[in-house]
PDB file of N, CA and C in Angstrom:
ATOM      1  N   MET A   1       1.001  -1.384   0.066  1.00  0.00           N
ATOM      2  CA  MET A   1      -0.265   0.286   0.105  1.00  0.00           C
ATOM      3  C   MET A   1       0.861   1.438  -0.137  1.00  0.00           C
ATOM      4  N   ARG A   2       2.170   1.325   0.788  1.00  0.00           N
ATOM      5  CA  ARG A   2       2.752   2.371   0.443  1.00  0.00           C
ATOM      6  C   ARG A   2       3.988   3.020  -0.135  1.00  0.00           C
ATOM      7  N   LYS A   3       4.090   2.112  -1.209  1.00  0.00           N
ATOM      8  CA  LYS A   3       4.718   1.222  -2.254  1.00  0.00           C
ATOM      9  C   LYS A   3       3.694   2.462  -3.200  1.00  0.00           C
ATOM     10  N   LYS A   4       2.289   2.009  -3.484  1.00  0.00           N
ATOM     11  CA  LYS A   4       1.542   2.108  -4.126  1.00  0.00           C
ATOM     12  C   LYS A   4       1.190   4.343  -4.103  1.00  0.00           C
ATOM     13  N   ARG A   5       1.778   4.337  -2.852  1.00  0.00           N
ATOM     14  CA  ARG A   5       1.806   6.317  -2.770  1.00  0.00           C
ATOM     15  C   ARG A   5       2.909   6.434  -2.952  1.00  0.00           C
ATOM     16  N   ILE A   6       3.315   5.993  -2.886  1.00  0.00           N
ATOM     17  CA  ILE A   6       5.547   6.615  -3.518  1.00  0.00           C
ATOM     18  C   ILE A   6       4.844   6.870  -5.118  1.00  0.00           C
ATOM     19  N   LEU A   7       4.846   5.760  -5.433  1.00  0.00           N
ATOM     20  CA  LEU A   7       4.440   5.516  -7.178  1.00  0.00           C
ATOM     21  C   LEU A   7       3.479   6.601  -7.477  1.00  0.00           C
ATOM     22  N   PHE A   8       2.784   7.007  -7.033  1.00  0.00           N
ATOM     23  CA  PHE A   8       1.742   7.714  -7.321  1.00  0.00           C
ATOM     24  C   PHE A   8       2.205   9.318  -7.472  1.00  0.00           C
ATOM     25  N   PHE A   9       2.662   9.454  -6.040  1.00  0.00           N
ATOM     26  CA  PHE A   9       3.065  10.801  -5.900  1.00  0.00           C
ATOM     27  C   PHE A   9       4.411  11.605  -6.118  1.00  0.00           C
ATOM     28  N   ALA A  10       5.035  10.167  -6.579  1.00  0.00           N
ATOM     29  CA  ALA A  10       6.167  10.848  -7.187  1.00  0.00           C
ATOM     30  C   ALA A  10       6.221  11.354  -8.331  1.00  0.00           C
ATOM     31  N   PRO A  11       5.356  11.109  -8.999  1.00  0.00           N
ATOM     32  CA  PRO A  11       5.826  11.897 -10.737  1.00  0.00           C
ATOM     33  C   PRO A  11       4.763  13.124 -10.430  1.00  0.00           C
ATOM     34  N   LEU A  12       4.198  12.875  -9.518  1.00  0.00           N
ATOM     35  CA  LEU A  12       3.551  14.412  -8.995  1.00  0.00           C
ATOM     36  C   LEU A  12       4.098  15.364  -8.492  1.00  0.00           C
ATOM     37  N   ALA A  13       4.641  15.039  -7.478  1.00  0.00           N
ATOM     38  CA  ALA A  13       6.187  15.724  -6.944  1.00  0.00           C
ATOM     39  C   ALA A  13       7.028  16.465  -7.979  1.00  0.00           C
ATOM     40  N   ILE A  14       7.518  15.365  -8.649  1.00  0.00           N
ATOM     41  CA  ILE A  14       8.859  16.088 -10.092  1.00  0.00           C
ATOM     42  C   ILE A  14       7.826  17.038 -11.057  1.00  0.00           C
ATOM     43  N   ILE A  15       6.181  16.885 -11.175  1.00  0.00           N
ATOM     44  CA  ILE A  15       5.932  17.719 -12.331  1.00  0.00           C
ATOM     45  C   ILE A  15       5.494  19.318 -11.265  1.00  0.00           C
ATOM     46  N   GLY A  16       5.181  19.147 -10.209  1.00  0.00           N
ATOM     47  CA  GLY A  16       4.858  20.513  -9.022  1.00  0.00           C
ATOM     48  C   GLY A  16       6.281  20.732  -9.438  1.00  0.00           C
ATOM     49  N   ILE A  17       7.927  20.707  -8.538  1.00  0.00           N
ATOM     50  CA  ILE A  17       8.359  20.788  -9.031  1.00  0.00           C
ATOM     51  C   ILE A  17       8.865  21.562 -10.076  1.00  0.00           C
ATOM     52  N   ALA A  18       8.895  20.930 -11.128  1.00  0.00           N
ATOM     53  CA  ALA A  18       8.859  21.625 -12.441  1.00  0.00           C
ATOM     54  C   ALA A  18       8.017  22.365 -12.706  1.00  0.00           C
ATOM     55  N   ILE A  19       7.097  22.736 -12.066  1.00  0.00           N
ATOM     56  CA  ILE A  19       5.882  23.714 -12.609  1.00  0.00           C
ATOM     57  C   ILE A  19       6.314  25.278 -11.424  1.00  0.00           C
ATOM     58  N   PHE A  20       6.715  25.084 -10.176  1.00  0.00           N
ATOM     59  CA  PHE A  20       7.225  25.200  -9.474  1.00  0.00           C
ATOM     60  C   PHE A  20       8.299  26.459  -9.844  1.00  0.00           C
ATOM     61  N   ILE A  21       9.343  26.021 -10.206  1.00  0.00           N
ATOM     62  CA  ILE A  21      10.352  26.440 -11.219  1.00  0.00           C
ATOM     63  C   ILE A  21       9.960  26.885 -12.532  1.00  0.00           C
ATOM     64  N   LEU A  22       8.690  26.907 -13.541  1.00  0.00           N
ATOM     65  CA  LEU A  22       8.875  27.458 -14.952  1.00  0.00           C
ATOM     66  C   LEU A  22       8.302  28.797 -14.427  1.00  0.00           C
ATOM     67  N   ILE A  23       7.084  28.521 -13.250  1.00  0.00           N
ATOM     68  CA  ILE A  23       6.266  29.713 -12.585  1.00  0.00           C
ATOM     69  C   ILE A  23       7.300  30.787 -11.817  1.00  0.00           C
ATOM     70  N   GLY A  24       8.210  30.422 -11.062  1.00  0.00           N
ATOM     71  CA  GLY A  24       8.720  31.287 -10.207  1.00  0.00           C
ATOM     72  C   GLY A  24      10.018  32.263 -11.146  1.00  0.00           C
ATOM     73  N   GLY A  25      10.709  31.070 -12.257  1.00  0.00           N
ATOM     74  CA  GLY A  25      11.936  31.085 -12.675  1.00  0.00           C
ATOM     75  C   GLY A  25      11.546  33.265 -13.791  1.00  0.00           C
ATOM     76  N   GLU A  26       9.546  32.407 -14.554  1.00  0.00           N
ATOM     77  CA  GLU A  26       9.215  33.661 -15.192  1.00  0.00           C
ATOM     78  C   GLU A  26       8.907  34.582 -14.248  1.00  0.00           C
ATOM     79  N   LEU A  27       8.438  34.427 -13.148  1.00  0.00           N
ATOM     80  CA  LEU A  27       8.003  35.933 -12.554  1.00  0.00           C
ATOM     81  C   LEU A  27       9.082  36.564 -11.955  1.00  0.00           C
ATOM     82  N   VAL A  28      10.013  35.913 -11.389  1.00  0.00           N
ATOM     83  CA  VAL A  28      11.367  36.931 -11.304  1.00  0.00           C
ATOM     84  C   VAL A  28      12.094  37.543 -12.420  1.00  0.00           C
ATOM     85  N   MET A  29      11.890  36.814 -13.493  1.00  0.00           N
ATOM     86  CA  MET A  29      12.476  37.243 -15.099  1.00  0.00           C
ATOM     87  C   MET A  29      12.260  38.348 -15.096  1.00  0.00           C
ATOM     88  N   GLN A  30      10.480  38.748 -15.229  1.00  0.00           N
ATOM     89  CA  GLN A  30       9.255  39.444 -15.732  1.00  0.00           C
ATOM     90  C   GLN A  30       9.482  40.578 -14.715  1.00  0.00           C
ATOM     91  N   LEU A  31       9.356  40.085 -13.740  1.00  0.00           N
ATOM     92  CA  LEU A  31       9.404  41.313 -11.941  1.00  0.00           C
ATOM     93  C   LEU A  31      10.579  42.304 -12.368  1.00  0.00           C
ATOM     94  N   TRP A  32      12.354  41.385 -12.803  1.00  0.00           N
ATOM     95  CA  TRP A  32      13.871  42.274 -12.634  1.00  0.00           C
ATOM     96  C   TRP A  32      13.685  42.814 -14.056  1.00  0.00           C
ATOM     97  N   ASN A  33      13.168  42.162 -14.778  1.00  0.00           N
ATOM     98  CA  ASN A  33      13.220  43.195 -16.604  1.00  0.00           C
ATOM     99  C   ASN A  33      11.961  44.302 -16.186  1.00  0.00           C
ATOM    100  N   TRP A  34      11.185  44.055 -15.010  1.00  0.00           N
ATOM    101  CA  TRP A  34      10.251  45.084 -15.714  1.00  0.00           C
ATOM    102  C   TRP A  34      11.111  46.639 -14.593  1.00  0.00           C
ATOM    103  N   LEU A  35      11.522  45.778 -13.352  1.00  0.00           N
ATOM    104  CA  LEU A  35      12.090  46.888 -12.787  1.00  0.00           C
ATOM    105  C   LEU A  35      13.488  47.342 -12.609  1.00  0.00           C
ATOM    106  N   LEU A  36      14.100  46.711 -12.519  1.00  0.00           N
ATOM    107  CA  LEU A  36      15.360  46.815 -12.052  1.00  0.00           C
ATOM    108  C   LEU A  36      16.258  47.539 -13.685  1.00  0.00           C
ATOM    109  N   PRO A  37      16.240  47.562 -14.743  1.00  0.00           N
ATOM    110  CA  PRO A  37      17.116  48.512 -15.762  1.00  0.00           C
ATOM    111  C   PRO A  37      15.888  49.950 -15.271  1.00  0.00           C
ATOM    112  N   GLY A  38      14.874  50.116 -15.729  1.00  0.00           N
ATOM    113  CA  GLY A  38      14.302  51.035 -15.286  1.00  0.00           C
ATOM    114  C   GLY A  38      15.310  52.057 -13.966  1.00  0.00           C
ATOM    115  N   LEU A  39      15.363  51.445 -12.632  1.00  0.00           N
ATOM    116  CA  LEU A  39      15.562  52.129 -11.422  1.00  0.00           C
ATOM    117  C   LEU A  39      16.870  52.101 -11.482  1.00  0.00           C
ATOM    118  N   PHE A  40      17.648  51.100 -11.861  1.00  0.00           N
ATOM    119  CA  PHE A  40      18.808  51.331 -12.065  1.00  0.00           C
ATOM    120  C   PHE A  40      20.205  50.977 -12.921  1.00  0.00           C
ATOM    121  N   GLY A  41      19.248  50.999 -13.973  1.00  0.00           N
ATOM    122  CA  GLY A  41      19.972  50.883 -14.898  1.00  0.00           C
ATOM    123  C   GLY A  41      20.873  49.555 -15.493  1.00  0.00           C
ATOM    124  N   TRP A  42      20.051  48.381 -14.951  1.00  0.00           N
ATOM    125  CA  TRP A  42      20.826  47.148 -14.615  1.00  0.00           C
ATOM    126  C   TRP A  42      20.838  46.496 -16.310  1.00  0.00           C
ATOM    127  N   ARG A  43      21.182  45.582 -16.326  1.00  0.00           N
ATOM    128  CA  ARG A  43      20.569  44.744 -17.690  1.00  0.00           C
ATOM    129  C   ARG A  43      19.534  43.921 -17.652  1.00  0.00           C
ATOM    130  N   GLN A  44      18.958  43.537 -18.471  1.00  0.00           N
ATOM    131  CA  GLN A  44      18.232  42.306 -18.249  1.00  0.00           C
ATOM    132  C   GLN A  44      18.019  40.912 -18.685  1.00  0.00           C
ATOM    133  N   ILE A  45      17.738  39.996 -17.794  1.00  0.00           N
ATOM    134  CA  ILE A  45      18.491  39.014 -17.707  1.00  0.00           C
ATOM    135  C   ILE A  45      17.224  37.920 -18.142  1.00  0.00           C
ATOM    136  N   THR A  46      17.585  36.555 -18.524  1.00  0.00           N
ATOM    137  CA  THR A  46      17.315  35.677 -19.105  1.00  0.00           C
ATOM    138  C   THR A  46      16.770  34.574 -18.066  1.00  0.00           C
ATOM    139  N   PHE A  47      15.509  33.804 -19.113  1.00  0.00           N
ATOM    140  CA  PHE A  47      14.562  32.865 -17.674  1.00  0.00           C
ATOM    141  C   PHE A  47      15.808  32.660 -16.873  1.00  0.00           C
ATOM    142  N   TRP A  48      17.130  31.355 -17.510  1.00  0.00           N
ATOM    143  CA  TRP A  48      18.013  31.043 -16.716  1.00  0.00           C
ATOM    144  C   TRP A  48      18.160  31.633 -15.732  1.00  0.00           C
ATOM    145  N   GLN A  49      19.316  32.962 -15.945  1.00  0.00           N
ATOM    146  CA  GLN A  49      19.421  33.510 -14.872  1.00  0.00           C
ATOM    147  C   GLN A  49      18.375  34.074 -13.764  1.00  0.00           C
ATOM    148  N   ALA A  50      17.397  34.010 -14.015  1.00  0.00           N
ATOM    149  CA  ALA A  50      16.293  34.500 -13.343  1.00  0.00           C
ATOM    150  C   ALA A  50      15.878  32.819 -12.673  1.00  0.00           C
ATOM    151  N   VAL A  51      16.166  31.898 -12.568  1.00  0.00           N
ATOM    152  CA  VAL A  51      15.860  30.661 -12.143  1.00  0.00           C
ATOM    153  C   VAL A  51      17.133  30.601 -11.013  1.00  0.00           C
ATOM    154  N   GLY A  52      18.458  31.012 -11.817  1.00  0.00           N
ATOM    155  CA  GLY A  52      19.424  31.326 -10.735  1.00  0.00           C
ATOM    156  C   GLY A  52      19.417  31.871  -9.854  1.00  0.00           C
ATOM    157  N   VAL A  53      18.832  33.060  -9.720  1.00  0.00           N
ATOM    158  CA  VAL A  53      18.409  33.725  -8.784  1.00  0.00           C
ATOM    159  C   VAL A  53      16.880  33.778  -7.558  1.00  0.00           C
ATOM    160  N   LEU A  54      16.615  33.124  -7.799  1.00  0.00           N
ATOM    161  CA  LEU A  54      15.581  32.304  -7.306  1.00  0.00           C
ATOM    162  C   LEU A  54      16.205  31.677  -6.427  1.00  0.00           C
ATOM    163  N   ALA A  55      16.771  30.221  -6.862  1.00  0.00           N
ATOM    164  CA  ALA A  55      18.256  29.326  -6.110  1.00  0.00           C
ATOM    165  C   ALA A  55      18.850  30.177  -5.266  1.00  0.00           C
ATOM    166  N   LEU A  56      19.431  31.109  -5.421  1.00  0.00           N
ATOM    167  CA  LEU A  56      20.184  31.681  -4.652  1.00  0.00           C
ATOM    168  C   LEU A  56      19.606  32.564  -3.546  1.00  0.00           C
ATOM    169  N   CYS A  57      18.140  32.605  -3.813  1.00  0.00           N
ATOM    170  CA  CYS A  57      17.303  33.671  -3.039  1.00  0.00           C
ATOM    171  C   CYS A  57      16.981  32.568  -1.921  1.00  0.00           C
ATOM    172  N   ARG A  58      16.502  31.509  -2.274  1.00  0.00           N
ATOM    173  CA  ARG A  58      16.305  30.326  -1.682  1.00  0.00           C
ATOM    174  C   ARG A  58      17.318  29.386  -0.825  1.00  0.00           C
ATOM    175  N   ILE A  59      18.665  29.873  -1.092  1.00  0.00           N
ATOM    176  CA  ILE A  59      19.844  29.589  -0.173  1.00  0.00           C
ATOM    177  C   ILE A  59      19.976  30.401   0.880  1.00  0.00           C
ATOM    178  N   LEU A  60      19.707  31.532   0.318  1.00  0.00           N
ATOM    179  CA  LEU A  60      20.189  32.890   1.125  1.00  0.00           C
ATOM    180  C   LEU A  60      19.001  33.276   2.451  1.00  0.00           C
ATOM    181  N   PHE A  61      18.173  33.327   1.992  1.00  0.00           N
ATOM    182  CA  PHE A  61      17.042  33.312   2.456  1.00  0.00           C
ATOM    183  C   PHE A  61      16.331  32.240   3.468  1.00  0.00           C
ATOM    184  N   GLY A  62      15.239  30.944   2.233  1.00  0.00           N
ATOM    185  CA  GLY A  62      15.480  30.149   3.405  1.00  0.00           C
ATOM    186  C   GLY A  62      15.679  28.742   3.397  1.00  0.00           C
ATOM    187  N   GLY A  63      17.353  28.798   3.728  1.00  0.00           N
ATOM    188  CA  GLY A  63      18.007  27.771   3.814  1.00  0.00           C
ATOM    189  C   GLY A  63      17.683  26.488   2.537  1.00  0.00           C
ATOM    190  N   LEU A  64      18.207  25.241   3.304  1.00  0.00           N
ATOM    191  CA  LEU A  64      18.443  23.985   2.498  1.00  0.00           C
ATOM    192  C   LEU A  64      17.417  23.138   2.634  1.00  0.00           C
ATOM    193  N   GLY A  65      16.558  23.596   3.759  1.00  0.00           N
ATOM    194  CA  GLY A  65      15.213  22.423   4.033  1.00  0.00           C
ATOM    195  C   GLY A  65      15.623  22.382   5.063  1.00  0.00           C
ATOM    196  N   GLY A  66      14.756  21.648   6.255  1.00  0.00           N
ATOM    197  CA  GLY A  66      14.529  20.651   7.446  1.00  0.00           C
ATOM    198  C   GLY A  66      13.473  22.493   7.888  1.00  0.00           C
ATOM    199  N   ARG A  67      12.994  22.809   7.167  1.00  0.00           N
ATOM    200  CA  ARG A  67      11.617  23.912   7.682  1.00  0.00           C
ATOM    201  C   ARG A  67      12.114  25.003   8.887  1.00  0.00           C
ATOM    202  N   GLY A  68      13.016  25.598   8.521  1.00  0.00           N
ATOM    203  CA  GLY A  68      13.779  26.875   9.353  1.00  0.00           C
ATOM    204  C   GLY A  68      14.532  26.049  10.884  1.00  0.00           C
ATOM    205  N   PHE A  69      14.952  24.815  10.647  1.00  0.00           N
ATOM    206  CA  PHE A  69      15.745  24.176  11.728  1.00  0.00           C
ATOM    207  C   PHE A  69      16.964  24.773  12.556  1.00  0.00           C
ATOM    208  N   PRO A  70      17.666  26.039  12.139  1.00  0.00           N
ATOM    209  CA  PRO A  70      18.396  26.646  12.880  1.00  0.00           C
ATOM    210  C   PRO A  70      17.986  27.778  14.196  1.00  0.00           C
ATOM    211  N   ARG A  71      16.605  28.451  12.754  1.00  0.00           N
ATOM    212  CA  ARG A  71      15.774  29.595  13.741  1.00  0.00           C
ATOM    213  C   ARG A  71      15.517  28.684  14.726  1.00  0.00           C
ATOM    214  N   SER A  72      15.013  27.600  14.613  1.00  0.00           N
ATOM    215  CA  SER A  72      13.591  27.017  15.939  1.00  0.00           C
ATOM    216  C   SER A  72      14.555  26.883  17.329  1.00  0.00           C
ATOM    217  N   ARG A  73      15.788  26.397  16.349  1.00  0.00           N
ATOM    218  CA  ARG A  73      16.540  25.754  17.578  1.00  0.00           C
ATOM    219  C   ARG A  73      17.142  26.649  18.443  1.00  0.00           C
ATOM    220  N   PHE A  74      17.257  28.321  17.941  1.00  0.00           N
ATOM    221  CA  PHE A  74      17.567  29.016  18.480  1.00  0.00           C
ATOM    222  C   PHE A  74      16.638  29.641  19.772  1.00  0.00           C
ATOM    223  N   ARG A  75      15.028  29.396  18.851  1.00  0.00           N
ATOM    224  CA  ARG A  75      14.097  29.655  19.339  1.00  0.00           C
ATOM    225  C   ARG A  75      13.767  29.225  21.300  1.00  0.00           C
ATOM    226  N   ARG A  76      13.929  28.001  20.945  1.00  0.00           N
ATOM    227  CA  ARG A  76      13.799  26.692  21.909  1.00  0.00           C
ATOM    228  C   ARG A  76      14.892  27.138  22.567  1.00  0.00           C
ATOM    229  N   ARG A  77      16.356  27.181  22.634  1.00  0.00           N
ATOM    230  CA  ARG A  77      17.036  27.941  23.892  1.00  0.00           C
ATOM    231  C   ARG A  77      16.760  29.112  24.384  1.00  0.00           C
ATOM    232  N   MET A  78      16.823  29.907  23.526  1.00  0.00           N
ATOM    233  CA  MET A  78      16.347  31.176  24.252  1.00  0.00           C
ATOM    234  C   MET A  78      14.830  31.114  25.005  1.00  0.00           C
ATOM    235  N   ALA A  79      14.258  30.320  25.167  1.00  0.00           N
ATOM    236  CA  ALA A  79      12.477  29.777  25.734  1.00  0.00           C
ATOM    237  C   ALA A  79      13.396  29.566  26.917  1.00  0.00           C
ATOM    238  N   GLU A  80      14.362  28.349  27.133  1.00  0.00           N
ATOM    239  CA  GLU A  80      14.261  27.833  27.631  1.00  0.00           C
ATOM    240  C   GLU A  80      15.579  29.114  28.810  1.00  0.00           C
ATOM    241  N   ARG A  81      16.104  29.525  28.182  1.00  0.00           N
ATOM    242  CA  ARG A  81      17.200  30.170  28.838  1.00  0.00           C
ATOM    243  C   ARG A  81      16.094  31.399  29.977  1.00  0.00           C
ATOM    244  N   LEU A  82      15.340  31.781  29.276  1.00  0.00           N
ATOM    245  CA  LEU A  82      13.964  32.859  29.922  1.00  0.00           C
ATOM    246  C   LEU A  82      13.555  32.074  30.896  1.00  0.00           C
ATOM    247  N   GLU A  83      13.124  30.896  30.825  1.00  0.00           N
ATOM    248  CA  GLU A  83      12.252  30.223  31.748  1.00  0.00           C
ATOM    249  C   GLU A  83      13.152  30.178  33.134  1.00  0.00           C
ATOM    250  N   GLN A  84      14.224  30.295  33.229  1.00  0.00           N
ATOM    251  CA  GLN A  84      15.496  29.664  33.842  1.00  0.00           C
ATOM    252  C   GLN A  84      15.591  31.063  34.521  1.00  0.00           C
ATOM    253  N   MET A  85      15.505  32.337  33.983  1.00  0.00           N
ATOM    254  CA  MET A  85      15.206  33.474  35.027  1.00  0.00           C
ATOM    255  C   MET A  85      14.373  34.244  35.593  1.00  0.00           C
ATOM    256  N   THR A  86      14.659  34.937  36.994  1.00  0.00           N
ATOM    257  CA  THR A  86      13.902  35.573  37.630  1.00  0.00           C
ATOM    258  C   THR A  86      13.365  36.297  36.773  1.00  0.00           C
ATOM    259  N   PRO A  87      11.967  36.852  37.265  1.00  0.00           N
ATOM    260  CA  PRO A  87      11.559  38.341  36.357  1.00  0.00           C
ATOM    261  C   PRO A  87      12.255  39.325  36.164  1.00  0.00           C
ATOM    262  N   GLU A  88      13.132  39.754  37.542  1.00  0.00           N
ATOM    263  CA  GLU A  88      13.907  40.709  37.442  1.00  0.00           C
ATOM    264  C   GLU A  88      15.076  40.617  36.103  1.00  0.00           C
ATOM    265  N   GLU A  89      15.304  39.816  36.334  1.00  0.00           N
ATOM    266  CA  GLU A  89      16.669  38.835  35.268  1.00  0.00           C
ATOM    267  C   GLU A  89      15.928  39.282  34.022  1.00  0.00           C
ATOM    268  N   ARG A  90      14.712  38.561  33.961  1.00  0.00           N
ATOM    269  CA  ARG A  90      14.076  38.415  32.666  1.00  0.00           C
ATOM    270  C   ARG A  90      13.682  40.211  31.872  1.00  0.00           C
ATOM    271  N   GLU A  91      13.686  41.079  32.844  1.00  0.00           N
ATOM    272  CA  GLU A  91      13.440  42.351  32.646  1.00  0.00           C
ATOM    273  C   GLU A  91      14.289  43.187  32.400  1.00  0.00           C
ATOM    274  N   ARG A  92      15.315  42.785  33.226  1.00  0.00           N
ATOM    275  CA  ARG A  92      17.024  43.500  32.559  1.00  0.00           C
ATOM    276  C   ARG A  92      17.073  43.173  31.470  1.00  0.00           C
ATOM    277  N   PHE A  93      17.170  41.947  31.208  1.00  0.00           N
ATOM    278  CA  PHE A  93      17.537  41.339  29.602  1.00  0.00           C
ATOM    279  C   PHE A  93      16.804  41.972  28.503  1.00  0.00           C
ATOM    280  N   ARG A  94      15.311  42.660  28.846  1.00  0.00           N
ATOM    281  CA  ARG A  94      14.687  42.661  27.835  1.00  0.00           C
ATOM    282  C   ARG A  94      15.361  43.973  27.779  1.00  0.00           C
ATOM    283  N   GLN A  95      15.175  44.693  28.555  1.00  0.00           N
ATOM    284  CA  GLN A  95      15.602  46.266  28.695  1.00  0.00           C
ATOM    285  C   GLN A  95      17.041  46.350  28.116  1.00  0.00           C
ATOM    286  N   GLY A  96      17.585  45.628  28.023  1.00  0.00           N
ATOM    287  CA  GLY A  96      19.341  45.305  27.408  1.00  0.00           C
ATOM    288  C   GLY A  96      18.872  45.267  26.151  1.00  0.00           C
ATOM    289  N   MET A  97      18.117  44.407  25.513  1.00  0.00           N
ATOM    290  CA  MET A  97      18.295  44.085  24.359  1.00  0.00           C
ATOM    291  C   MET A  97      17.898  45.234  23.632  1.00  0.00           C
ATOM    292  N   ARG A  98      16.814  45.924  23.983  1.00  0.00           N
ATOM    293  CA  ARG A  98      15.895  46.983  23.277  1.00  0.00           C
ATOM    294  C   ARG A  98      16.427  48.164  22.940  1.00  0.00           C
ATOM    295  N   SER A  99      17.575  48.610  23.998  1.00  0.00           N
ATOM    296  CA  SER A  99      18.474  49.265  24.381  1.00  0.00           C
ATOM    297  C   SER A  99      19.586  48.944  23.210  1.00  0.00           C
ATOM    298  N   GLY A 100      20.490  47.969  23.278  1.00  0.00           N
ATOM    299  CA  GLY A 100      21.410  47.181  22.491  1.00  0.00           C
ATOM    300  C   GLY A 100      20.790  46.978  20.729  1.00  0.00           C
ATOM    301  N   CYS A 101      19.745  47.410  20.549  1.00  0.00           N
ATOM    302  CA  CYS A 101      19.145  47.069  19.652  1.00  0.00           C
ATOM    303  C   CYS A 101      18.517  48.906  18.830  1.00  0.00           C
ATOM    304  N   GLY A 102      18.817  49.227  19.457  1.00  0.00           N
ATOM    305  CA  GLY A 102      18.548  50.788  18.776  1.00  0.00           C
ATOM    306  C   GLY A 102      17.143  50.939  19.531  1.00  0.00           C
ATOM    307  N   PHE A 103      16.572  50.973  20.030  1.00  0.00           N
ATOM    308  CA  PHE A 103      15.104  51.399  20.752  1.00  0.00           C
ATOM    309  C   PHE A 103      15.314  52.317  22.149  1.00  0.00           C
ATOM    310  N   GLY A 104      17.051  52.538  22.136  1.00  0.00           N
ATOM    311  CA  GLY A 104      16.537  53.445  23.454  1.00  0.00           C
ATOM    312  C   GLY A 104      15.885  53.002  24.422  1.00  0.00           C
ATOM    313  N   ALA A 105      16.299  53.644  25.829  1.00  0.00           N
ATOM    314  CA  ALA A 105      15.831  52.838  27.451  1.00  0.00           C
ATOM    315  C   ALA A 105      13.950  53.814  27.280  1.00  0.00           C
ATOM    316  N   PRO A 106      13.528  52.905  27.622  1.00  0.00           N
ATOM    317  CA  PRO A 106      11.781  53.491  27.954  1.00  0.00           C
ATOM    318  C   PRO A 106      11.701  54.769  28.588  1.00  0.00           C
ATOM    319  N   THR A 107      10.510  55.370  27.993  1.00  0.00           N
ATOM    320  CA  THR A 107      10.680  56.545  29.335  1.00  0.00           C
ATOM    321  C   THR A 107       9.096  56.618  30.029  1.00  0.00           C
ATOM    322  N   SER A 108       9.674  57.525  30.659  1.00  0.00           N
ATOM    323  CA  SER A 108       8.833  57.153  31.661  1.00  0.00           C
ATOM    324  C   SER A 108       7.554  58.089  31.420  1.00  0.00           C
ATOM    325  N   GLU A 109       6.690  58.445  32.228  1.00  0.00           N
ATOM    326  CA  GLU A 109       5.012  59.163  32.195  1.00  0.00           C
ATOM    327  C   GLU A 109       5.426  60.647  31.888  1.00  0.00           C
ATOM    328  N   THR A 110       6.743  61.340  32.858  1.00  0.00           N
ATOM    329  CA  THR A 110       7.013  62.708  32.359  1.00  0.00           C
ATOM    330  C   THR A 110       7.728  62.661  30.791  1.00  0.00           C
ATOM    331  N   GLY A 111       8.196  61.856  30.319  1.00  0.00           N
ATOM    332  CA  GLY A 111       8.622  61.772  28.918  1.00  0.00           C
ATOM    333  C   GLY A 111       9.977  62.348  29.054  1.00  0.00           C
ATOM    334  N   LYS A 112      10.639  61.719  30.131  1.00  0.00           N
ATOM    335  CA  LYS A 112      12.038  62.208  30.314  1.00  0.00           C
ATOM    336  C   LYS A 112      12.688  60.617  30.799  1.00  0.00           C
ATOM    337  N   PRO A 113      14.166  60.592  29.637  1.00  0.00           N
ATOM    338  CA  PRO A 113      14.749  59.107  29.781  1.00  0.00           C
ATOM    339  C   PRO A 113      14.663  58.657  31.104  1.00  0.00           C
ATOM    340  N   GLU A 114      14.623  57.413  31.864  1.00  0.00           N
ATOM    341  CA  GLU A 114      14.957  57.143  32.947  1.00  0.00           C
ATOM    342  C   GLU A 114      16.297  56.885  33.708  1.00  0.00           C
TER     343      GLU A 114
END
């Protein structure tokens, strides 16, 4: 029974991947050729260059698979660390993150920094 499913879904998966590449490549090529030459004076690209850009973006921004594995591990570890902190330590950590990320120190009701 399981082998029949694989034999049924394997061709569908291959067709789906091919359709994704065709539509994605065409979409990237059309958007690139519509926007970037007019805005920045860059050259137009071919379909295969657009597929390459699509693959590069997938590698850089989407990872190579595993459904965001490194990010989920990071979130899990941060949650574990925050659970082990006292409420005062947690608040101090949050304030440090806000000031380190450029949000500055929180203001009091008078409008002056604390």
